[in-house]
N, C-alpha and C. Protein backbone atom coordinates (compact mmCIF):
# COMPACT_ATOMS: atom_id res chain seq x y z
N MET A 1 -3.02 -17.68 -37.52
CA MET A 1 -5.04 -18.73 -37.41
C MET A 1 -5.06 -18.43 -35.76
N LYS A 2 -5.86 -17.95 -35.19
CA LYS A 2 -6.13 -18.14 -33.70
C LYS A 2 -6.55 -19.12 -33.07
N ASN A 3 -7.03 -20.32 -33.99
CA ASN A 3 -6.83 -21.71 -32.88
C ASN A 3 -5.70 -22.18 -32.24
N LYS A 4 -5.39 -22.21 -31.28
CA LYS A 4 -4.12 -22.58 -30.97
C LYS A 4 -4.34 -23.61 -29.94
N ILE A 5 -3.77 -24.67 -29.78
CA ILE A 5 -3.21 -25.56 -29.12
C ILE A 5 -2.01 -26.03 -28.28
N ILE A 6 -1.79 -26.62 -27.18
CA ILE A 6 -0.73 -26.77 -26.87
C ILE A 6 -0.49 -28.31 -26.57
N LEU A 7 0.62 -28.50 -27.33
CA LEU A 7 1.17 -29.80 -27.17
C LEU A 7 2.45 -30.29 -26.41
N PHE A 8 2.15 -31.94 -25.88
CA PHE A 8 3.06 -31.74 -24.56
C PHE A 8 3.82 -32.96 -25.02
N TYR A 9 5.02 -33.03 -24.67
CA TYR A 9 6.13 -33.90 -25.42
C TYR A 9 6.78 -34.68 -23.98
N VAL A 10 6.27 -36.10 -23.82
CA VAL A 10 6.71 -36.47 -22.65
C VAL A 10 7.23 -37.82 -22.86
N PRO A 11 8.60 -38.14 -22.76
CA PRO A 11 9.11 -39.51 -22.96
C PRO A 11 8.87 -40.47 -21.51
N CYS A 12 8.81 -41.46 -21.84
CA CYS A 12 8.72 -42.39 -20.91
C CYS A 12 9.43 -43.87 -20.48
N ASP A 13 9.35 -44.23 -19.25
CA ASP A 13 10.50 -45.26 -19.60
C ASP A 13 9.58 -46.60 -20.45
N LEU A 14 8.46 -46.92 -19.73
CA LEU A 14 7.63 -48.08 -20.76
C LEU A 14 6.56 -47.91 -21.32
N LYS A 15 6.04 -48.35 -22.05
CA LYS A 15 4.47 -48.35 -22.97
C LYS A 15 3.69 -48.13 -21.90
N LYS A 16 3.54 -48.77 -20.66
CA LYS A 16 2.93 -48.91 -19.91
C LYS A 16 2.89 -47.83 -18.93
N THR A 17 3.94 -47.19 -18.57
CA THR A 17 3.59 -45.38 -18.23
C THR A 17 2.96 -44.29 -19.43
N ALA A 18 3.46 -44.52 -20.43
CA ALA A 18 3.19 -43.81 -21.19
C ALA A 18 1.48 -43.64 -21.19
N GLN A 19 0.76 -44.92 -21.11
CA GLN A 19 -0.14 -45.41 -20.96
C GLN A 19 -1.23 -45.06 -19.98
N THR A 20 -0.81 -45.33 -18.76
CA THR A 20 -1.59 -45.23 -17.39
C THR A 20 -1.13 -43.33 -17.40
N LEU A 21 0.24 -42.98 -17.97
CA LEU A 21 -0.29 -41.14 -18.26
C LEU A 21 -1.05 -40.78 -18.67
N ALA A 22 -1.16 -40.97 -19.66
CA ALA A 22 -2.78 -40.90 -20.96
C ALA A 22 -3.72 -41.43 -20.37
N LYS A 23 -4.39 -42.00 -19.86
CA LYS A 23 -5.60 -42.68 -19.61
C LYS A 23 -5.95 -41.32 -18.25
N LYS A 24 -4.85 -41.29 -16.95
CA LYS A 24 -5.41 -40.17 -15.90
C LYS A 24 -5.58 -38.48 -17.01
N THR A 25 -4.52 -38.32 -17.55
CA THR A 25 -4.75 -36.71 -18.26
C THR A 25 -5.93 -36.88 -18.74
N LEU A 26 -6.73 -38.10 -20.02
CA LEU A 26 -8.02 -37.62 -20.65
C LEU A 26 -9.02 -37.92 -19.29
N HIS A 27 -9.15 -39.06 -18.59
CA HIS A 27 -10.15 -38.99 -17.54
C HIS A 27 -10.01 -37.50 -16.37
N GLY A 28 -9.03 -37.33 -16.64
CA GLY A 28 -9.23 -36.08 -15.70
C GLY A 28 -9.31 -34.83 -16.39
N LYS A 29 -9.88 -34.92 -17.44
CA LYS A 29 -9.88 -33.45 -18.90
C LYS A 29 -9.02 -32.93 -19.10
N LEU A 30 -7.52 -33.13 -18.77
CA LEU A 30 -6.61 -32.27 -18.50
C LEU A 30 -6.09 -32.66 -20.33
N ALA A 31 -6.18 -33.28 -20.90
CA ALA A 31 -6.11 -33.55 -22.54
C ALA A 31 -7.48 -34.25 -23.30
N ALA A 32 -7.05 -33.77 -24.51
CA ALA A 32 -8.04 -34.17 -25.45
C ALA A 32 -8.24 -35.30 -25.74
N CYS A 33 -6.53 -35.38 -26.22
CA CYS A 33 -6.28 -36.65 -27.17
C CYS A 33 -4.73 -36.70 -26.97
N ALA A 34 -4.13 -38.26 -26.98
CA ALA A 34 -3.02 -38.62 -26.41
C ALA A 34 -2.38 -39.77 -27.43
N GLN A 35 -1.47 -39.66 -27.58
CA GLN A 35 -0.85 -40.45 -28.56
C GLN A 35 1.21 -40.76 -28.01
N ILE A 36 1.15 -42.59 -28.46
CA ILE A 36 2.16 -42.98 -27.38
C ILE A 36 3.39 -43.80 -28.84
N PHE A 37 4.26 -43.52 -29.02
CA PHE A 37 5.23 -43.65 -29.87
C PHE A 37 6.62 -44.01 -29.60
N PRO A 38 7.14 -45.32 -29.95
CA PRO A 38 8.23 -46.01 -29.45
C PRO A 38 9.41 -45.05 -29.63
N VAL A 39 10.19 -44.58 -29.56
CA VAL A 39 11.57 -44.16 -29.97
C VAL A 39 12.90 -44.41 -29.31
N GLN A 40 14.54 -44.39 -30.04
CA GLN A 40 15.51 -44.84 -29.74
C GLN A 40 15.98 -43.39 -28.95
N SER A 41 16.33 -43.47 -27.58
CA SER A 41 16.64 -41.85 -27.14
C SER A 41 17.90 -42.16 -26.94
N LEU A 42 18.76 -41.07 -27.01
CA LEU A 42 20.57 -41.06 -26.90
C LEU A 42 20.39 -39.82 -25.99
N TYR A 43 21.49 -40.00 -25.21
CA TYR A 43 21.15 -38.55 -24.12
C TYR A 43 22.35 -38.59 -23.21
N LEU A 44 22.63 -37.80 -22.90
CA LEU A 44 24.21 -37.52 -21.03
C LEU A 44 23.43 -37.54 -19.91
N TRP A 45 23.70 -38.64 -19.00
CA TRP A 45 23.83 -38.69 -18.28
C TRP A 45 24.81 -39.65 -17.23
N ASP A 46 25.09 -38.70 -15.82
CA ASP A 46 26.03 -38.84 -15.17
C ASP A 46 27.40 -38.72 -16.35
N ASN A 47 27.62 -37.58 -17.27
CA ASN A 47 28.92 -37.53 -17.86
C ASN A 47 28.24 -38.80 -18.91
N LYS A 48 28.15 -39.71 -19.60
CA LYS A 48 27.59 -40.73 -20.35
C LYS A 48 26.89 -41.02 -21.28
N VAL A 49 27.23 -40.93 -22.14
CA VAL A 49 26.02 -41.08 -22.97
C VAL A 49 25.11 -42.61 -23.05
N ASN A 50 23.61 -42.24 -23.28
CA ASN A 50 23.23 -43.31 -22.69
C ASN A 50 22.36 -43.60 -24.05
N ASP A 51 22.07 -44.64 -24.33
CA ASP A 51 21.40 -44.93 -25.74
C ASP A 51 20.01 -46.65 -25.04
N THR A 52 18.93 -45.36 -25.05
CA THR A 52 17.39 -46.24 -24.75
C THR A 52 16.44 -46.68 -25.14
N ASP A 53 15.61 -47.47 -25.34
CA ASP A 53 14.03 -47.11 -26.26
C ASP A 53 13.39 -46.77 -24.93
N GLU A 54 12.13 -45.65 -25.23
CA GLU A 54 11.57 -45.14 -24.60
C GLU A 54 9.85 -45.04 -25.39
N PHE A 55 9.07 -44.35 -24.92
CA PHE A 55 8.34 -44.22 -25.71
C PHE A 55 7.58 -43.45 -25.18
N VAL A 56 7.22 -42.05 -26.44
CA VAL A 56 6.85 -41.08 -26.36
C VAL A 56 5.24 -40.77 -25.68
N LEU A 57 5.19 -40.07 -25.21
CA LEU A 57 3.75 -39.50 -24.71
C LEU A 57 3.26 -37.93 -25.29
N ILE A 58 2.87 -37.87 -26.53
CA ILE A 58 2.34 -36.67 -26.61
C ILE A 58 1.01 -36.46 -26.51
N LEU A 59 0.45 -35.44 -26.07
CA LEU A 59 -0.83 -34.88 -25.24
C LEU A 59 -1.00 -33.33 -26.10
N LYS A 60 -2.57 -33.87 -26.23
CA LYS A 60 -3.15 -32.38 -26.71
C LYS A 60 -4.02 -31.72 -25.59
N THR A 61 -3.69 -30.48 -25.41
CA THR A 61 -4.93 -29.91 -24.59
C THR A 61 -4.83 -28.15 -25.22
N LEU A 62 -5.72 -27.45 -23.95
CA LEU A 62 -5.97 -26.51 -24.40
C LEU A 62 -4.88 -25.07 -23.05
N LYS A 63 -4.79 -24.05 -23.53
CA LYS A 63 -3.42 -23.14 -22.47
C LYS A 63 -4.26 -23.31 -20.86
N SER A 64 -5.45 -23.46 -20.79
CA SER A 64 -6.69 -23.45 -19.34
C SER A 64 -5.71 -24.85 -18.78
N LYS A 65 -5.70 -25.90 -19.30
CA LYS A 65 -5.09 -26.78 -18.90
C LYS A 65 -3.76 -27.01 -18.49
N VAL A 66 -2.44 -26.51 -18.98
CA VAL A 66 -1.39 -26.56 -18.99
C VAL A 66 -0.77 -26.69 -17.39
N LYS A 67 -1.18 -26.33 -16.81
CA LYS A 67 -0.71 -25.70 -15.49
C LYS A 67 -0.88 -27.39 -14.91
N PRO A 68 -2.48 -27.31 -14.64
CA PRO A 68 -3.07 -28.65 -14.01
C PRO A 68 -1.94 -30.15 -14.59
N LEU A 69 -2.17 -30.16 -15.75
CA LEU A 69 -1.35 -31.05 -16.08
C LEU A 69 -0.34 -31.46 -16.92
N LYS A 70 0.78 -30.54 -16.25
CA LYS A 70 2.16 -30.17 -15.94
C LYS A 70 2.18 -30.63 -14.78
N LYS A 71 1.57 -30.24 -13.79
CA LYS A 71 1.78 -30.40 -12.67
C LYS A 71 1.43 -32.25 -12.01
N LEU A 72 0.62 -32.48 -13.02
CA LEU A 72 -0.09 -33.85 -12.84
C LEU A 72 1.43 -35.25 -13.29
N LEU A 73 1.91 -34.53 -14.93
CA LEU A 73 3.03 -35.49 -15.38
C LEU A 73 4.15 -35.12 -13.93
N GLU A 74 4.43 -34.18 -13.59
CA GLU A 74 5.36 -34.18 -12.72
C GLU A 74 5.72 -35.16 -11.51
N SER A 75 4.43 -35.03 -10.85
CA SER A 75 4.07 -35.48 -9.53
C SER A 75 3.87 -36.88 -9.71
N LEU A 76 3.45 -38.24 -10.97
CA LEU A 76 3.05 -38.86 -11.66
C LEU A 76 4.72 -39.76 -12.05
N HIS A 77 5.43 -38.99 -13.10
CA HIS A 77 6.11 -39.91 -13.98
C HIS A 77 7.27 -40.34 -13.08
N PRO A 78 7.93 -41.35 -13.35
CA PRO A 78 8.82 -42.39 -12.60
C PRO A 78 10.04 -41.69 -12.68
N TYR A 79 10.65 -41.11 -13.67
CA TYR A 79 11.75 -40.28 -14.24
C TYR A 79 12.29 -39.39 -12.79
N GLU A 80 13.24 -39.69 -12.97
CA GLU A 80 14.12 -38.35 -11.58
C GLU A 80 13.95 -37.00 -12.08
N THR A 81 14.69 -37.03 -13.10
CA THR A 81 14.40 -35.90 -14.26
C THR A 81 13.76 -35.56 -15.74
N PRO A 82 12.16 -35.68 -15.30
CA PRO A 82 11.38 -36.13 -16.48
C PRO A 82 11.32 -35.30 -17.72
N ALA A 83 11.66 -35.63 -19.07
CA ALA A 83 11.41 -34.29 -19.92
C ALA A 83 10.14 -33.87 -19.93
N ILE A 84 9.49 -32.83 -19.85
CA ILE A 84 7.95 -31.93 -20.40
C ILE A 84 8.19 -30.99 -21.28
N LEU A 85 8.16 -31.14 -22.41
CA LEU A 85 8.13 -30.02 -23.34
C LEU A 85 6.85 -29.62 -23.70
N THR A 86 6.78 -28.21 -24.24
CA THR A 86 5.18 -28.11 -24.56
C THR A 86 5.38 -26.76 -25.80
N THR A 87 4.84 -27.21 -26.79
CA THR A 87 4.75 -26.21 -28.04
C THR A 87 3.40 -25.74 -28.18
N VAL A 88 2.99 -24.38 -28.70
CA VAL A 88 1.75 -24.03 -29.15
C VAL A 88 1.71 -24.18 -30.56
N MET A 89 0.55 -24.31 -31.06
CA MET A 89 0.46 -25.19 -32.45
C MET A 89 -0.74 -24.71 -32.84
N ASP A 90 -0.97 -23.99 -34.15
CA ASP A 90 -2.12 -23.86 -34.92
C ASP A 90 -2.87 -24.81 -35.22
N VAL A 91 -4.40 -25.29 -35.15
CA VAL A 91 -4.86 -25.83 -35.53
C VAL A 91 -6.37 -25.89 -36.29
N ASN A 92 -6.50 -26.56 -37.19
CA ASN A 92 -8.03 -25.66 -37.74
C ASN A 92 -9.23 -25.76 -36.51
N LYS A 93 -10.00 -24.85 -37.02
CA LYS A 93 -11.09 -24.64 -36.25
C LYS A 93 -12.29 -25.80 -36.16
N ALA A 94 -12.18 -26.84 -36.87
CA ALA A 94 -13.13 -27.86 -36.15
C ALA A 94 -12.43 -28.59 -35.34
N TYR A 95 -11.17 -28.85 -35.30
CA TYR A 95 -10.58 -29.30 -33.85
C TYR A 95 -10.42 -29.18 -33.27
N TYR A 96 -9.99 -27.51 -32.95
CA TYR A 96 -10.19 -26.87 -31.82
C TYR A 96 -11.31 -27.23 -30.99
N GLN A 97 -13.04 -26.86 -32.07
CA GLN A 97 -13.76 -26.85 -31.21
C GLN A 97 -14.04 -28.24 -30.69
N TRP A 98 -13.46 -29.40 -31.48
CA TRP A 98 -13.62 -30.48 -31.00
C TRP A 98 -13.03 -30.46 -29.42
N MET A 99 -11.66 -30.34 -29.76
CA MET A 99 -10.83 -30.33 -28.17
C MET A 99 -11.91 -29.57 -26.92
N MET A 100 -12.13 -28.37 -27.36
CA MET A 100 -12.93 -27.18 -26.59
C MET A 100 -14.09 -27.96 -25.32
N GLU A 101 -15.27 -28.58 -27.05
CA GLU A 101 -15.94 -29.67 -26.20
C GLU A 101 -15.84 -30.46 -25.46
N SER A 102 -14.71 -30.71 -25.67
CA SER A 102 -14.29 -32.07 -24.87
C SER A 102 -13.69 -31.85 -23.58
N LEU A 103 -13.10 -30.77 -23.78
CA LEU A 103 -12.13 -30.60 -22.34
C LEU A 103 -13.41 -29.04 -21.29
N GLU A 104 -14.17 -29.09 -22.09
CA GLU A 104 -14.77 -27.69 -21.24
C GLU A 104 -16.11 -27.92 -20.75
N SER A 105 -16.63 -29.34 -21.41
CA SER A 105 -17.83 -30.01 -21.01
C SER A 105 -18.05 -30.51 -19.66
N GLU A 106 -18.90 -30.80 -18.97
CA GLU A 106 -18.68 -31.42 -17.90
C GLU A 106 -19.20 -32.70 -17.63
């Protein structure tokens, strides 16, 4: 499949944080779609196991937007060490076309 997009996975401390990041990326045409999910995160920090409620922000974008999107997320994210994960995904042609039109139009 040649229709590839980039999926960002970004845990946030608060729902409001995830919403703010999502809106900035959408208004800046750095992402075509954002979804926010509540999650329970368990992780090591300062040699202790932490158990925290967080909100995961998922962003869908094109390869051409990855660098500016990552830069924006790194500059605005409140965490000292934010997790900003990306993966390449195959999508159907119609969805890919919609994303191209949404992000490449002026």
